[in-house]
Amino acid sequence: MMPAAACFPPGIEEKQLLADLRRLCWGAADILLAYGRGEQPPYGFPKALSVDEGGEGPVSAADLAVNQWLLDGLAQAYPDAGWTLLSEETAKEQLTAGEPLDAEWLWILDPLDGTKDFLQGTGEYAVHLALVHRGEAVLGVVLQPLLEDLWFGLVPEGRAWRENRAGEQQPAQLSSRQALSEMVLVASRNHRDQRLEQLLEALALGDTKAIGSVGGKVATILRGETDVYISLSGKSAPKDWDMAAPEAVLKAAGGAFTHADGAPLRYNTGDVRQAGCLIASHGVSHQELCEKAAAAMDRIDPGFAV
């Protein structure tokens, strides 16, 4: 296991960084909750113009506001830190296809994961922040504003917990279900195709729960409500900012998040797509899950790179 110091660049102190992340995350929650209710957002951000006035929609305004709040907040709190900041909103300007960023330490942010859920008012959206060191997510933060849950995961330390606005903390509580037939799958409402249905049939899992946002899905595993999440890319694939923070928290809690062939997830590779068959689980029987999924995909879609 890596030493705990590998969580942060030199000169960055854990206690202070966690305090700053709390402040920034609860501020982001207030911004998103205000936009979601159609109210004036805090911190001087503009109220979204209604779509019929020809202005930007509330999702765009909320995305951009949270993005600015987080990027400015980290930059102001740590002007000399040895890290680079990347978000879903800045990726087009920052990234060149096939070329990783020249950054040993990289923050990967998603200011609003679960846009459809934000629009639909389900509350199942999240904010993701992950600190990546040499391609591996070592610190993950997943905020669920409506639930008032803030998840932290320190991978090298093997420590994950959630807290509320009052700072009251609870450790992750993964389930102990072992048999695949008893495991509860957490799945998307919006991203399901025939291949995924065939894969799920082959795995013969138990119940299914539908939740929006990758962060929201993984949080159900962290709370012990579900056990397995599967991402199967088709014409499109999730991106680094979808996966990095949830993966880090789940790994820190003792769960697993890998490709079906057991390969780990890597970030800042020059390709932001997290393509293939990705499996997140509470860790119990993860190898069996992966082996069955890989064998099933061989039949369902021969040649598919899991």
Protein backbone atom coordinates (compact mmCIF):
# COMPACT_ATOMS: atom_id res chain seq x y z
CA MET A 1 0.00 0.00 0.00
CA MET A 2 1.24 3.50 -0.77
CA PRO A 3 2.18 5.74 2.16
CA ALA A 4 -0.55 8.10 3.34
CA ALA A 5 1.48 11.07 2.13
CA ALA A 6 0.70 10.03 -1.45
CA CYS A 7 -2.82 11.41 -0.93
CA PHE A 8 -1.53 14.96 -1.34
CA PRO A 9 1.28 16.91 -3.01
CA PRO A 10 4.14 18.17 -0.83
CA GLY A 11 3.11 21.06 1.40
CA ILE A 12 -0.60 20.21 1.37
CA GLU A 13 -1.92 19.40 4.84
CA GLU A 14 -4.82 16.94 5.11
CA LYS A 15 -6.82 18.68 7.82
CA GLN A 16 -6.77 22.04 6.06
CA LEU A 17 -7.56 20.59 2.63
CA LEU A 18 -10.56 18.64 3.96
CA ALA A 19 -11.83 21.81 5.69
CA ASP A 20 -11.52 23.77 2.44
CA LEU A 21 -13.25 20.99 0.47
CA ARG A 22 -16.13 21.00 2.97
CA ARG A 23 -16.55 24.76 2.58
CA LEU A 24 -16.46 24.59 -1.21
CA CYS A 25 -18.81 21.61 -1.41
CA TRP A 26 -21.51 23.03 0.83
CA GLY A 27 -21.25 26.27 -1.12
CA ALA A 28 -21.75 24.27 -4.33
CA ALA A 29 -24.77 22.60 -2.74
CA ASP A 30 -26.33 25.98 -1.95
CA ILE A 31 -25.77 27.13 -5.53
CA LEU A 32 -27.36 24.02 -7.07
CA LEU A 33 -30.28 23.96 -4.64
CA ALA A 34 -31.05 27.61 -5.43
CA TYR A 35 -30.95 27.04 -9.20
CA GLY A 36 -33.06 23.90 -8.79
CA ARG A 37 -35.73 25.90 -6.95
CA GLY A 38 -35.57 28.82 -9.39
CA GLU A 39 -34.26 31.12 -6.66
CA GLN A 40 -31.49 33.69 -6.69
CA PRO A 41 -28.25 31.74 -6.19
CA PRO A 42 -25.75 32.87 -3.53
CA TYR A 43 -22.23 34.30 -3.95
CA GLY A 44 -23.26 36.76 -6.67
CA PHE A 45 -24.02 34.25 -9.41
CA PRO A 46 -26.70 35.35 -11.87
CA LYS A 47 -30.18 33.94 -11.74
CA ALA A 48 -30.80 31.86 -14.87
CA LEU A 49 -32.86 33.48 -17.58
CA SER A 50 -35.85 31.40 -18.55
CA VAL A 51 -35.39 29.38 -21.71
CA ASP A 52 -38.29 31.11 -23.47
CA GLU A 53 -36.44 34.42 -23.09
CA GLY A 54 -33.67 32.98 -25.22
CA GLY A 55 -31.16 32.93 -22.37
CA GLU A 56 -29.15 30.00 -21.11
CA GLY A 57 -31.12 27.26 -19.40
CA PRO A 58 -30.92 26.63 -15.67
CA VAL A 59 -28.68 23.59 -16.10
CA SER A 60 -26.09 25.51 -18.07
CA ALA A 61 -26.18 28.35 -15.54
CA ALA A 62 -25.90 25.95 -12.60
CA ASP A 63 -23.06 23.99 -14.24
CA LEU A 64 -21.08 27.13 -14.96
CA ALA A 65 -21.68 28.68 -11.55
CA VAL A 66 -20.58 25.59 -9.60
CA ASN A 67 -17.66 25.12 -11.95
CA GLN A 68 -16.46 28.68 -11.33
CA TRP A 69 -17.07 28.40 -7.58
CA LEU A 70 -14.97 25.24 -7.27
CA LEU A 71 -12.14 26.20 -9.62
CA ASP A 72 -11.81 29.72 -8.19
CA GLY A 73 -12.08 28.37 -4.65
CA LEU A 74 -9.29 25.83 -5.07
CA ALA A 75 -7.10 28.32 -6.95
CA GLN A 76 -7.54 31.00 -4.29
CA ALA A 77 -7.02 28.65 -1.35
CA TYR A 78 -3.94 27.04 -2.91
CA PRO A 79 -2.31 29.49 -5.32
CA ASP A 80 1.05 27.70 -5.19
CA ALA A 81 -0.09 24.08 -5.00
CA GLY A 82 1.66 21.67 -7.32
CA TRP A 83 -1.49 20.50 -9.02
CA THR A 84 -3.50 21.19 -12.17
CA LEU A 85 -7.27 21.75 -12.26
CA LEU A 86 -9.45 20.08 -14.92
CA SER A 87 -13.24 20.07 -15.09
CA GLU A 88 -15.85 18.84 -17.51
CA GLU A 89 -16.55 22.48 -18.36
CA THR A 90 -12.92 23.36 -19.16
CA ALA A 91 -11.90 20.10 -20.86
CA LYS A 92 -12.44 21.32 -24.43
CA GLU A 93 -10.02 24.20 -23.91
CA GLN A 94 -7.48 22.23 -21.89
CA LEU A 95 -7.25 18.85 -23.58
CA THR A 96 -5.72 17.69 -26.85
CA ALA A 97 -6.84 14.25 -28.06
CA GLY A 98 -4.22 11.59 -27.41
CA GLU A 99 -2.13 13.78 -25.12
CA PRO A 100 -2.26 13.51 -21.32
CA LEU A 101 -1.96 16.75 -19.40
CA ASP A 102 1.53 17.38 -18.05
CA ALA A 103 0.42 17.03 -14.45
CA GLU A 104 1.67 14.64 -11.78
CA TRP A 105 -1.19 15.83 -9.56
CA LEU A 106 -4.52 16.60 -11.22
CA TRP A 107 -7.91 17.62 -9.86
CA ILE A 108 -10.76 16.23 -12.00
CA LEU A 109 -14.10 17.93 -11.34
CA ASP A 110 -17.67 17.39 -12.46
CA PRO A 111 -19.77 20.33 -11.23
CA LEU A 112 -23.04 18.55 -12.01
CA ASP A 113 -23.22 14.80 -12.60
CA GLY A 114 -26.76 13.75 -13.42
CA THR A 115 -28.04 16.63 -15.53
CA LYS A 116 -31.26 14.85 -16.49
CA ASP A 117 -32.02 14.22 -12.83
CA PHE A 118 -31.37 17.86 -12.02
CA LEU A 119 -33.81 18.87 -14.77
CA GLN A 120 -36.39 16.27 -13.75
CA GLY A 121 -36.21 17.31 -10.09
CA THR A 122 -35.41 13.82 -8.77
CA GLY A 123 -32.63 15.16 -6.57
CA GLU A 124 -30.37 12.33 -7.76
CA TYR A 125 -27.53 14.50 -8.97
CA ALA A 126 -24.07 14.95 -7.51
CA VAL A 127 -20.88 17.00 -7.56
CA HIS A 128 -17.61 15.11 -8.08
CA LEU A 129 -14.08 16.14 -7.10
CA ALA A 130 -11.14 13.76 -7.42
CA LEU A 131 -7.43 14.24 -6.91
CA VAL A 132 -5.44 12.05 -9.27
CA HIS A 133 -1.75 11.18 -8.77
CA ARG A 134 0.06 9.74 -11.78
CA GLY A 135 -3.15 8.41 -13.29
CA GLU A 136 -4.67 6.99 -10.10
CA ALA A 137 -7.47 8.62 -8.11
CA VAL A 138 -6.19 8.94 -4.53
CA LEU A 139 -8.81 11.30 -3.05
CA GLY A 140 -12.49 11.34 -3.93
CA VAL A 141 -15.30 13.67 -2.89
CA VAL A 142 -18.95 13.07 -3.85
CA LEU A 143 -21.57 15.62 -2.80
CA GLN A 144 -25.30 14.86 -2.92
CA PRO A 145 -26.89 18.27 -2.28
CA LEU A 146 -30.51 17.23 -1.79
CA LEU A 147 -29.60 14.41 0.63
CA GLU A 148 -27.10 16.70 2.36
CA ASP A 149 -24.53 13.91 2.16
CA LEU A 150 -20.84 14.64 1.57
CA TRP A 151 -18.66 11.59 0.93
CA PHE A 152 -14.88 11.55 1.33
CA GLY A 153 -12.50 8.75 0.39
CA LEU A 154 -8.73 8.67 1.00
CA VAL A 155 -7.52 5.71 -1.03
CA PRO A 156 -3.98 5.18 0.34
CA GLU A 157 -5.34 5.39 3.89
CA GLY A 158 -8.27 3.08 3.14
CA ARG A 159 -10.65 5.51 4.83
CA ALA A 160 -14.11 6.58 3.61
CA TRP A 161 -16.95 8.35 5.36
CA ARG A 162 -19.91 10.63 4.83
CA GLU A 163 -20.86 13.72 6.76
CA ASN A 164 -23.68 16.24 6.95
CA ARG A 165 -23.54 20.01 7.17
CA ALA A 166 -23.06 19.81 10.93
CA GLY A 167 -19.91 17.76 10.36
CA GLU A 168 -21.35 14.60 11.89
CA GLN A 169 -19.54 11.64 10.34
CA GLN A 170 -20.56 8.08 9.53
CA PRO A 171 -18.29 5.42 8.03
CA ALA A 172 -19.25 3.65 4.82
CA GLN A 173 -21.31 0.53 5.51
CA LEU A 174 -20.95 -1.93 2.64
CA SER A 175 -23.32 -4.88 2.60
CA SER A 176 -22.17 -8.43 3.33
CA ARG A 177 -24.24 -10.09 0.59
CA GLN A 178 -22.06 -12.70 -1.12
CA ALA A 179 -24.16 -14.77 -3.54
CA LEU A 180 -24.63 -13.08 -6.91
CA SER A 181 -28.31 -14.03 -6.84
CA GLU A 182 -28.74 -11.96 -3.66
CA MET A 183 -26.84 -8.89 -4.81
CA VAL A 184 -28.73 -5.69 -5.57
CA LEU A 185 -27.86 -3.91 -8.81
CA VAL A 186 -27.97 -0.12 -9.06
CA ALA A 187 -28.64 0.99 -12.62
CA SER A 188 -29.45 4.04 -14.73
CA ARG A 189 -32.90 5.06 -15.77
CA ASN A 190 -31.56 6.65 -18.93
CA HIS A 191 -28.61 4.56 -20.22
CA ARG A 192 -29.64 0.97 -20.95
CA ASP A 193 -29.26 -0.99 -24.17
CA GLN A 194 -29.89 -4.55 -25.31
CA ARG A 195 -26.32 -5.68 -24.60
CA LEU A 196 -26.55 -4.51 -21.00
CA GLU A 197 -29.88 -6.31 -20.58
CA GLN A 198 -28.27 -9.52 -21.90
CA LEU A 199 -25.29 -9.08 -19.58
CA LEU A 200 -27.53 -8.59 -16.55
CA GLU A 201 -29.53 -11.67 -17.51
CA ALA A 202 -26.29 -13.69 -17.66
CA LEU A 203 -25.17 -12.45 -14.24
CA ALA A 204 -28.55 -13.33 -12.67
CA LEU A 205 -28.32 -10.76 -9.90
CA GLY A 206 -31.11 -10.09 -7.42
CA ASP A 207 -33.10 -6.87 -7.18
CA THR A 208 -32.46 -3.69 -9.17
CA LYS A 209 -32.60 -0.10 -7.99
CA ALA A 210 -32.67 2.81 -10.46
CA ILE A 211 -30.68 5.90 -9.46
CA GLY A 212 -29.27 8.85 -11.39
CA SER A 213 -25.63 10.03 -11.37
CA VAL A 214 -22.65 7.72 -11.05
CA GLY A 215 -21.87 9.35 -7.71
CA GLY A 216 -25.41 8.68 -6.55
CA LYS A 217 -25.20 5.05 -7.65
CA VAL A 218 -21.92 4.43 -5.87
CA ALA A 219 -23.30 6.14 -2.75
CA THR A 220 -26.02 3.48 -2.57
CA ILE A 221 -23.25 0.83 -2.50
CA LEU A 222 -21.44 2.82 0.21
CA ARG A 223 -24.63 2.87 2.30
CA GLY A 224 -25.14 -0.88 1.83
CA GLU A 225 -28.39 -0.46 -0.08
CA THR A 226 -26.99 -1.96 -3.29
CA ASP A 227 -23.94 -4.02 -4.24
CA VAL A 228 -23.14 -3.70 -7.94
CA TYR A 229 -23.01 -1.01 -10.65
CA ILE A 230 -22.07 -1.83 -14.25
CA SER A 231 -21.11 0.67 -16.95
CA LEU A 232 -21.16 -0.78 -20.47
CA SER A 233 -20.08 1.69 -23.12
CA GLY A 234 -21.69 1.75 -26.53
CA LYS A 235 -21.67 4.68 -28.97
CA SER A 236 -20.64 6.87 -26.07
CA ALA A 237 -18.79 6.23 -22.83
CA PRO A 238 -18.56 7.90 -19.44
CA LYS A 239 -15.63 10.25 -18.95
CA ASP A 240 -12.88 10.67 -16.38
CA TRP A 241 -14.96 13.19 -14.41
CA ASP A 242 -17.88 10.75 -14.17
CA MET A 243 -15.82 7.97 -12.61
CA ALA A 244 -12.78 9.33 -10.75
CA ALA A 245 -14.41 10.62 -7.55
CA PRO A 246 -16.93 7.76 -7.07
CA GLU A 247 -14.21 5.19 -7.78
CA ALA A 248 -11.87 6.73 -5.21
CA VAL A 249 -14.49 6.80 -2.45
CA LEU A 250 -15.57 3.22 -3.15
CA LYS A 251 -11.98 1.92 -3.19
CA ALA A 252 -11.20 3.79 0.02
CA ALA A 253 -14.23 2.11 1.63
CA GLY A 254 -12.95 -1.37 0.72
CA GLY A 255 -15.04 -1.83 -2.42
CA ALA A 256 -13.77 -2.40 -5.95
CA PHE A 257 -14.15 -0.57 -9.27
CA THR A 258 -12.38 -2.17 -12.25
CA HIS A 259 -12.76 -3.28 -15.83
CA ALA A 260 -14.32 -6.72 -16.28
CA ASP A 261 -10.86 -8.10 -17.01
CA GLY A 262 -9.71 -6.83 -13.61
CA ALA A 263 -7.70 -3.91 -15.00
CA PRO A 264 -7.80 -0.77 -12.84
CA LEU A 265 -9.30 2.51 -14.01
CA ARG A 266 -6.69 5.04 -15.12
CA TYR A 267 -7.06 8.78 -15.62
CA ASN A 268 -5.31 11.48 -17.67
CA THR A 269 -4.25 8.95 -20.30
CA GLY A 270 -4.90 11.17 -23.31
CA ASP A 271 -8.38 9.66 -23.75
CA VAL A 272 -10.98 10.89 -21.26
CA ARG A 273 -13.43 8.12 -22.19
CA GLN A 274 -13.81 5.35 -19.63
CA ALA A 275 -14.82 2.79 -22.22
CA GLY A 276 -15.44 -0.93 -21.83
CA CYS A 277 -17.30 -2.98 -19.25
CA LEU A 278 -16.68 -1.35 -15.88
CA ILE A 279 -17.85 -2.99 -12.67
CA ALA A 280 -18.19 -1.30 -9.29
CA SER A 281 -19.05 -3.46 -6.32
CA HIS A 282 -18.86 -3.75 -2.54
CA GLY A 283 -15.84 -5.97 -3.14
CA VAL A 284 -17.35 -9.26 -2.03
CA SER A 285 -17.24 -11.70 -4.97
CA HIS A 286 -15.86 -8.96 -7.24
CA GLN A 287 -13.58 -11.39 -9.08
CA GLU A 288 -16.49 -13.76 -9.72
CA LEU A 289 -18.57 -10.85 -11.03
CA CYS A 290 -15.78 -9.80 -13.38
CA GLU A 291 -15.13 -13.33 -14.68
CA LYS A 292 -18.81 -13.95 -15.39
CA ALA A 293 -19.23 -10.55 -17.01
CA ALA A 294 -16.17 -10.98 -19.25
CA ALA A 295 -17.32 -14.45 -20.35
CA ALA A 296 -20.83 -13.15 -21.03
CA MET A 297 -19.53 -10.22 -23.10
CA ASP A 298 -17.48 -12.68 -25.17
CA ARG A 299 -20.77 -14.24 -26.24
CA ILE A 300 -22.86 -11.07 -26.41
CA ASP A 301 -20.40 -8.86 -28.30
CA PRO A 302 -17.33 -10.84 -29.50
CA GLY A 303 -14.25 -8.65 -29.73
CA PHE A 304 -15.62 -6.02 -27.34
CA ALA A 305 -12.74 -4.69 -25.23
CA VAL A 306 -13.90 -5.01 -21.66
